[in-house]
Amino acid sequence: MPAYPVYALMVEFMAYTGLRASEVAGLEVGDLTFAPGLCCSVNVRRTKERRSGTWVTGKVEAVAPYRAATALASGADGRLPSRAPAR
């Protein structure tokens, strides 16, 4: 088990969704939309960065006004599923 499991889960989430650290920092509960089954839609509407000891909210730099990503969760622990090795 990693020394800081919360960070491990965040890094795994970022790897599966392709989100940047500032986009993950800007997420709020209302940005998540849960669908039936194990699917969740993540709407990225803002970014947050730490500058001079304070959090600064910024805009998402993308063609669309916000980015969308889909994450899958498995099990009660909320861990993302393991990807099968490419054949």
Foldseek 3Di string as FASTA:
>chain_A
DDPDVVVVQVVQQCVQFVDDPQQVVQFDPVQWDDDPDFKIKGKRQWGWDADPRDIDIGFDPDPDNIDMTMFGADDPVRHGDDDDDDD
